[in-house]
Amino acid sequence: MHRYLRIAVTTLLFAAVAVVSAQAQNLGAEDDTWVTGSGTQVDFANFGTVNITQLLGSQPVNSIVSFTGVPLSSSLGQADTLVARGATTAGDLFSATLSLKGLSLGSSPDMALQDGRVYHVAVTLANQDGTGQINFTTTTSEGGTYSSSFTVTPIFTFTNVNDPGEAAHTIDCSGSCSFPINGSGNWVRTSSTGFDPQSQGIPVVPSGVQVGGYTTVGHPRAGGIQVGCGGTQSTGYGCGQNNELHGEGSAGQAIHGTKPPQDCAKNPPPPPSPTPVPIGSRVLNERLAKKPAAGTAIIQQDKAALCVATASFTAQ
C-alpha cells in the first residue's frame, strides 16, 4: 500500500514538473523592428514648450506636421523604429525590459512658414538610454496579450530646403518634451511548427547591425516572441495595427503609430460587401450558418486591411 502511494505521489510530482516545464521557456534578448503607419502627426502648437516662431523666426502656415518613416539601416529593410527587449522566462505572467534604440522619421510634406521659407523636419532619438517594461500574459498555448510602458525622448531637426547653407535648428526634448508611451497588444511564440514571422512578411532582424551606439542582438525566425501578432495554429494567425509604441488616446499615439514591417506586395483583393438583409430572415440565418469562427474572420479582415494600409512602405 505504501509502495503504491509513493509511486502515485512520485507520478503526480513528475507530472506537475512536466507541466511547469512545458509552460516555462527561457527567452533570450530580441530586437523588434517597426514601420511607422500613416497619419503620424505632431502639433507643434501643443507639444511641450516648443515654440516654432521663436526657433525659426516666423509662424508656420500649419503647426501640424505629418511624418513618414525613414529606414534606419539598409540591413533592417524599411524599419524606422527599433526596440530592444531584454531576456526573460515565459510563464503565465512574465515581463521584460524595453529600450527604444532607433527612431527615424521625416516630415511629408515639409513645414512651410508664413514668410515663405520651407523646412524639412527630421525626428531621431536624443539618447538610447531610456528604459521601460513590457508585461506579458499567457492566454493560449501559443501566446497572449501584453502591456508596455516607457519614455520617448526625441530630437527634432529643422533644415531649410531652399538654403542648405543655413545652419540646422534643433529641439532636444531631453529637458522639455519627452513623453511617456503606454500601450497594449497581442504576442505569439515564434516556432518552426507554429507561427512563422516570414509567413506574415515580417523579416528576420539580423544581429550585428549598428544603429547609433547600439548593436542589434537580432530577432531569429523561431524560438522567441513576435510582438504585434496573435492567434493560434487552429484559429489562424494575424498581425495588425500595433500598440507597442502607443496606447489608445495617448500622446504617443498622436506622434507614432506603428506596425511590424510586412511585405504586402501581393495584396489580396478586398472582400465584396454583402447585400444587406433584414435581421431574422432566412437568408441571414443561412449566412450565419456558413460564417467561419469569429476569431478567424477578424484575423483575416485585419490582415487584408493591414496590407492595403502598408502597401506604400512595407519592408522588402
Protein backbone atom coordinates (compact mmCIF):
# COMPACT_ATOMS: atom_id res chain seq x y z
CA MET A 1 0.00 0.00 0.00
CA HIS A 2 2.75 2.45 0.99
CA ARG A 3 4.74 1.45 -2.10
CA TYR A 4 1.82 2.22 -4.39
CA LEU A 5 1.21 5.51 -2.56
CA ARG A 6 4.85 6.53 -3.05
CA ILE A 7 4.62 5.66 -6.75
CA ALA A 8 1.42 7.68 -7.10
CA VAL A 9 2.91 10.72 -5.35
CA THR A 10 6.09 10.49 -7.46
CA THR A 11 3.99 10.30 -10.63
CA LEU A 12 1.98 13.36 -9.64
CA LEU A 13 5.12 15.34 -8.84
CA PHE A 14 6.67 14.35 -12.17
CA ALA A 15 3.50 15.40 -13.98
CA ALA A 16 3.48 18.75 -12.19
CA VAL A 17 7.12 19.40 -13.10
CA ALA A 18 6.38 18.44 -16.70
CA VAL A 19 3.51 20.96 -16.88
CA VAL A 20 5.68 23.75 -15.46
CA SER A 21 8.50 22.87 -17.86
CA ALA A 22 6.10 22.94 -20.79
CA GLN A 23 4.89 26.45 -19.89
CA ALA A 24 8.26 27.92 -18.86
CA GLN A 25 10.65 28.88 -21.63
CA ASN A 26 13.85 30.87 -21.39
CA LEU A 27 13.72 33.63 -23.98
CA GLY A 28 16.87 35.47 -24.98
CA ALA A 29 17.06 39.19 -25.69
CA GLU A 30 15.50 40.17 -29.02
CA ASP A 31 15.09 43.26 -31.18
CA ASP A 32 11.70 44.27 -32.54
CA THR A 33 11.52 46.46 -35.64
CA TRP A 34 8.53 48.58 -36.66
CA VAL A 35 7.27 50.60 -39.60
CA THR A 36 5.51 53.86 -38.81
CA GLY A 37 1.92 53.98 -40.01
CA SER A 38 0.23 56.74 -41.95
CA GLY A 39 -1.40 59.57 -40.05
CA THR A 40 1.58 60.15 -37.76
CA GLN A 41 1.49 63.85 -36.84
CA VAL A 42 2.90 66.36 -34.38
CA ASP A 43 1.09 69.56 -33.46
CA PHE A 44 3.95 71.91 -32.56
CA ALA A 45 1.47 74.40 -31.16
CA ASN A 46 0.69 71.93 -28.38
CA PHE A 47 3.90 69.98 -27.90
CA GLY A 48 5.65 70.68 -24.61
CA THR A 49 7.38 74.06 -24.52
CA VAL A 50 8.28 74.04 -28.22
CA ASN A 51 7.94 77.48 -29.87
CA ILE A 52 8.40 77.31 -33.66
CA THR A 53 8.09 81.09 -34.13
CA GLN A 54 10.89 81.70 -31.66
CA LEU A 55 13.03 78.94 -33.14
CA LEU A 56 12.67 79.83 -36.84
CA GLY A 57 11.65 83.50 -36.74
CA SER A 58 8.24 83.07 -38.38
CA GLN A 59 4.96 81.35 -37.63
CA PRO A 60 4.21 78.14 -39.52
CA VAL A 61 1.36 78.12 -42.02
CA ASN A 62 0.16 74.99 -40.24
CA SER A 63 1.54 73.91 -36.87
CA ILE A 64 0.53 70.27 -37.53
CA VAL A 65 3.25 68.34 -39.38
CA SER A 66 2.79 64.84 -40.83
CA PHE A 67 5.64 62.32 -40.75
CA THR A 68 6.63 59.16 -42.59
CA GLY A 69 9.26 56.61 -41.67
CA VAL A 70 12.86 56.81 -42.89
CA PRO A 71 14.71 53.44 -42.85
CA LEU A 72 17.25 53.15 -40.02
CA SER A 73 19.59 50.90 -41.99
CA SER A 74 19.61 49.03 -45.29
CA SER A 75 20.22 45.90 -43.18
CA LEU A 76 16.86 46.40 -41.43
CA GLY A 77 14.69 46.81 -44.52
CA GLN A 78 12.11 49.57 -44.23
CA ALA A 79 12.07 49.58 -40.41
CA ASP A 80 12.24 53.09 -38.95
CA THR A 81 11.89 52.11 -35.30
CA LEU A 82 13.97 49.67 -33.24
CA VAL A 83 13.07 48.41 -29.76
CA ALA A 84 15.40 46.19 -27.71
CA ARG A 85 13.64 43.65 -25.47
CA GLY A 86 15.52 42.01 -22.61
CA ALA A 87 15.81 38.31 -21.83
CA THR A 88 13.06 36.73 -19.75
CA THR A 89 11.45 33.42 -18.81
CA ALA A 90 7.98 32.84 -20.24
CA GLY A 91 5.20 31.67 -17.96
CA ASP A 92 1.61 32.56 -17.15
CA LEU A 93 2.72 36.08 -16.24
CA PHE A 94 6.18 37.42 -17.10
CA SER A 95 7.90 40.67 -18.03
CA ALA A 96 10.97 42.01 -19.82
CA THR A 97 12.82 45.31 -20.07
CA LEU A 98 12.31 47.57 -23.07
CA SER A 99 14.55 50.24 -24.57
CA LEU A 100 13.95 52.35 -27.67
CA LYS A 101 17.19 52.17 -29.69
CA GLY A 102 16.24 53.67 -33.01
CA LEU A 103 13.74 56.20 -34.39
CA SER A 104 13.87 57.85 -37.81
CA LEU A 105 11.04 59.94 -39.25
CA GLY A 106 10.83 62.74 -41.80
CA SER A 107 8.22 65.40 -42.49
CA SER A 108 5.97 64.84 -45.51
CA PRO A 109 5.03 67.43 -46.61
CA ASP A 110 7.64 69.78 -45.15
CA MET A 111 6.77 72.65 -42.81
CA ALA A 112 6.01 75.93 -44.59
CA LEU A 113 6.41 79.24 -42.76
CA GLN A 114 4.33 82.36 -43.29
CA ASP A 115 7.37 84.24 -44.63
CA GLY A 116 7.73 81.68 -47.45
CA ARG A 117 10.57 79.54 -46.11
CA VAL A 118 10.16 75.77 -46.05
CA TYR A 119 11.82 73.41 -43.57
CA HIS A 120 12.27 69.67 -43.60
CA VAL A 121 11.77 68.21 -40.11
CA ALA A 122 13.61 65.04 -39.08
CA VAL A 123 12.89 63.07 -35.90
CA THR A 124 15.59 60.99 -34.22
CA LEU A 125 16.39 59.94 -30.64
CA ALA A 126 18.07 62.24 -28.14
CA ASN A 127 19.59 59.16 -26.48
CA GLN A 128 19.31 55.39 -26.38
CA ASP A 129 19.31 55.14 -22.60
CA GLY A 130 15.59 55.25 -21.87
CA THR A 131 14.20 52.08 -20.33
CA GLY A 132 10.74 50.69 -19.81
CA GLN A 133 8.94 47.41 -19.27
CA ILE A 134 6.66 45.07 -21.15
CA ASN A 135 4.34 42.74 -19.21
CA PHE A 136 3.08 39.55 -20.84
CA THR A 137 0.01 37.47 -20.02
CA THR A 138 -0.28 33.98 -21.48
CA THR A 139 -3.84 33.23 -22.61
CA THR A 140 -3.26 30.36 -25.07
CA SER A 141 -0.67 27.65 -25.59
CA GLU A 142 1.00 29.88 -28.19
CA GLY A 143 0.77 33.43 -26.87
CA GLY A 144 -1.44 36.04 -25.29
CA THR A 145 -1.58 39.77 -24.59
CA TYR A 146 0.84 42.38 -23.29
CA SER A 147 1.04 45.92 -21.93
CA SER A 148 4.09 48.15 -22.17
CA SER A 149 5.36 51.45 -20.83
CA PHE A 150 8.46 53.59 -21.42
CA THR A 151 9.54 57.15 -22.24
CA VAL A 152 10.48 58.54 -25.65
CA THR A 153 12.90 61.49 -25.88
CA PRO A 154 13.16 62.73 -29.48
CA ILE A 155 15.23 65.37 -31.25
CA PHE A 156 13.58 67.47 -33.98
CA THR A 157 15.95 68.85 -36.62
CA PHE A 158 14.72 71.65 -38.95
CA THR A 159 16.62 72.10 -42.23
CA ASN A 160 15.90 74.89 -44.74
CA VAL A 161 15.18 73.07 -48.01
CA ASN A 162 15.93 76.17 -50.14
CA ASP A 163 19.06 77.26 -48.31
CA PRO A 164 21.26 74.29 -47.38
CA GLY A 165 23.90 76.72 -46.16
CA GLU A 166 21.68 77.77 -43.26
CA ALA A 167 22.61 76.01 -40.03
CA ALA A 168 20.08 73.41 -38.92
CA HIS A 169 17.83 74.23 -35.97
CA THR A 170 17.20 71.56 -33.34
CA ILE A 171 14.79 70.88 -30.49
CA ASP A 172 16.19 68.42 -27.98
CA CYS A 173 13.34 67.04 -25.87
CA SER A 174 15.67 65.91 -23.10
CA GLY A 175 14.59 68.79 -20.92
CA SER A 176 11.16 69.79 -22.13
CA CYS A 177 9.15 67.49 -24.37
CA SER A 178 9.78 63.83 -23.54
CA PHE A 179 6.57 61.86 -23.41
CA PRO A 180 5.51 58.51 -21.90
CA ILE A 181 4.28 55.64 -24.02
CA ASN A 182 1.70 53.22 -22.65
CA GLY A 183 0.44 50.53 -24.96
CA SER A 184 -1.00 47.06 -25.34
CA GLY A 185 -1.46 44.36 -27.94
CA ASN A 186 -1.02 40.67 -28.77
CA TRP A 187 2.03 38.41 -28.84
CA VAL A 188 2.71 34.93 -30.13
CA ARG A 189 5.59 32.45 -29.82
CA THR A 190 7.65 32.00 -32.97
CA SER A 191 8.15 28.37 -33.95
CA SER A 192 9.25 26.21 -36.85
CA THR A 193 5.99 24.27 -36.47
CA GLY A 194 3.69 27.15 -35.47
CA PHE A 195 3.83 30.88 -36.07
CA ASP A 196 6.43 31.84 -38.68
CA PRO A 197 7.01 35.63 -38.89
CA GLN A 198 8.04 35.35 -42.53
CA SER A 199 4.68 33.81 -43.38
CA GLN A 200 3.28 37.23 -42.45
CA GLY A 201 6.00 39.04 -44.40
CA ILE A 202 7.91 40.06 -41.27
CA PRO A 203 11.66 39.89 -41.94
CA VAL A 204 14.24 38.40 -39.59
CA VAL A 205 16.23 41.06 -37.71
CA PRO A 206 19.95 40.34 -38.18
CA SER A 207 22.44 40.65 -35.35
CA GLY A 208 25.45 42.93 -35.53
CA VAL A 209 23.74 45.92 -37.17
CA GLN A 210 24.95 49.25 -35.82
CA VAL A 211 22.19 51.76 -35.03
CA GLY A 212 23.74 54.76 -33.32
CA GLY A 213 25.63 53.42 -30.33
CA TYR A 214 23.62 50.18 -30.23
CA THR A 215 24.45 46.89 -31.94
CA THR A 216 21.47 44.66 -32.63
CA VAL A 217 21.24 41.25 -30.99
CA GLY A 218 18.78 40.23 -33.69
CA HIS A 219 15.40 38.52 -33.85
CA PRO A 220 15.54 34.94 -35.21
CA ARG A 221 12.77 33.29 -37.18
CA ALA A 222 11.90 30.79 -34.41
CA GLY A 223 12.38 30.26 -30.70
CA GLY A 224 11.26 33.68 -29.47
CA ILE A 225 8.29 36.04 -29.37
CA GLN A 226 6.65 38.16 -32.06
CA VAL A 227 5.03 41.21 -30.53
CA GLY A 228 2.16 42.66 -32.53
CA CYS A 229 0.81 39.36 -33.85
CA GLY A 230 -1.66 36.90 -32.39
CA GLY A 231 -3.75 33.81 -32.93
CA THR A 232 -3.16 30.07 -32.78
CA GLN A 233 -2.44 27.35 -35.28
CA SER A 234 -6.03 26.12 -35.10
CA THR A 235 -7.70 29.53 -35.48
CA GLY A 236 -5.12 31.16 -37.72
CA TYR A 237 -2.54 33.92 -37.14
CA GLY A 238 -2.72 37.61 -37.91
CA CYS A 239 -0.71 40.80 -37.48
CA GLY A 240 -2.33 44.22 -37.40
CA GLN A 241 -2.03 47.78 -36.15
CA ASN A 242 0.08 47.52 -33.05
CA ASN A 243 0.14 49.47 -29.82
CA GLU A 244 3.71 48.64 -28.87
CA LEU A 245 4.64 52.29 -29.08
CA HIS A 246 1.32 53.94 -28.44
CA GLY A 247 -1.73 53.46 -26.29
CA GLU A 248 -5.25 54.35 -27.38
CA GLY A 249 -5.69 58.10 -26.97
CA SER A 250 -2.15 58.63 -25.64
CA ALA A 251 0.34 61.32 -26.56
CA GLY A 252 2.45 58.65 -28.15
CA GLN A 253 -0.37 57.60 -30.45
CA ALA A 254 -0.51 61.09 -31.93
CA ILE A 255 3.17 61.08 -32.85
CA HIS A 256 3.93 57.48 -33.59
CA GLY A 257 1.53 54.77 -34.71
CA THR A 258 3.43 51.62 -35.72
CA LYS A 259 3.05 48.11 -37.06
CA PRO A 260 5.50 45.24 -37.70
CA PRO A 261 7.24 45.63 -41.07
CA GLN A 262 5.42 43.45 -43.59
CA ASP A 263 5.76 42.69 -47.28
CA CYS A 264 2.26 43.06 -48.69
CA ALA A 265 3.27 43.46 -52.34
CA LYS A 266 0.65 40.90 -53.32
CA ASN A 267 -2.36 42.36 -51.57
CA PRO A 268 -5.48 40.20 -51.51
CA PRO A 269 -8.50 41.91 -53.11
CA PRO A 270 -10.93 43.41 -50.59
CA PRO A 271 -13.88 41.12 -49.81
CA PRO A 272 -17.14 42.10 -51.52
CA SER A 273 -19.66 43.90 -49.37
CA PRO A 274 -22.58 41.60 -48.51
CA THR A 275 -26.06 42.64 -49.58
CA PRO A 276 -27.96 43.95 -46.52
CA VAL A 277 -30.65 41.60 -45.31
CA PRO A 278 -33.19 42.07 -42.51
CA ILE A 279 -32.48 40.51 -39.12
CA GLY A 280 -34.28 37.20 -38.65
CA SER A 281 -34.61 36.48 -42.37
CA ARG A 282 -33.94 33.04 -43.87
CA VAL A 283 -31.06 34.46 -45.95
CA LEU A 284 -29.38 35.90 -42.86
CA ASN A 285 -29.73 32.64 -40.97
CA GLU A 286 -28.15 30.74 -43.89
CA ARG A 287 -25.25 33.22 -43.95
CA LEU A 288 -24.63 32.92 -40.25
CA ALA A 289 -24.63 29.12 -40.52
CA LYS A 290 -21.84 29.33 -43.13
CA LYS A 291 -19.86 32.05 -41.33
CA PRO A 292 -16.38 30.97 -40.04
CA ALA A 293 -15.37 31.29 -36.40
CA ALA A 294 -15.38 34.89 -35.21
CA GLY A 295 -11.67 34.89 -34.37
CA THR A 296 -10.74 33.64 -37.85
CA ALA A 297 -12.90 36.24 -39.60
CA ILE A 298 -11.41 39.07 -37.56
CA ILE A 299 -7.84 37.94 -38.25
CA GLN A 300 -8.50 37.69 -42.00
CA GLN A 301 -10.14 41.10 -42.08
CA ASP A 302 -7.34 42.76 -40.11
CA LYS A 303 -4.68 41.18 -42.31
CA ALA A 304 -6.32 42.36 -45.53
CA ALA A 305 -6.77 45.87 -44.15
CA LEU A 306 -3.17 45.95 -42.95
CA CYS A 307 -1.79 45.00 -46.36
CA VAL A 308 -3.79 47.75 -48.04
CA ALA A 309 -2.69 50.30 -45.44
CA THR A 310 1.01 49.45 -45.61
CA ALA A 311 1.44 48.86 -49.33
CA SER A 312 3.47 52.04 -49.81
CA PHE A 313 6.06 51.48 -47.11
CA THR A 314 6.44 47.80 -46.24
CA ALA A 315 9.75 46.02 -45.90
CA GLN A 316 11.30 44.18 -48.81
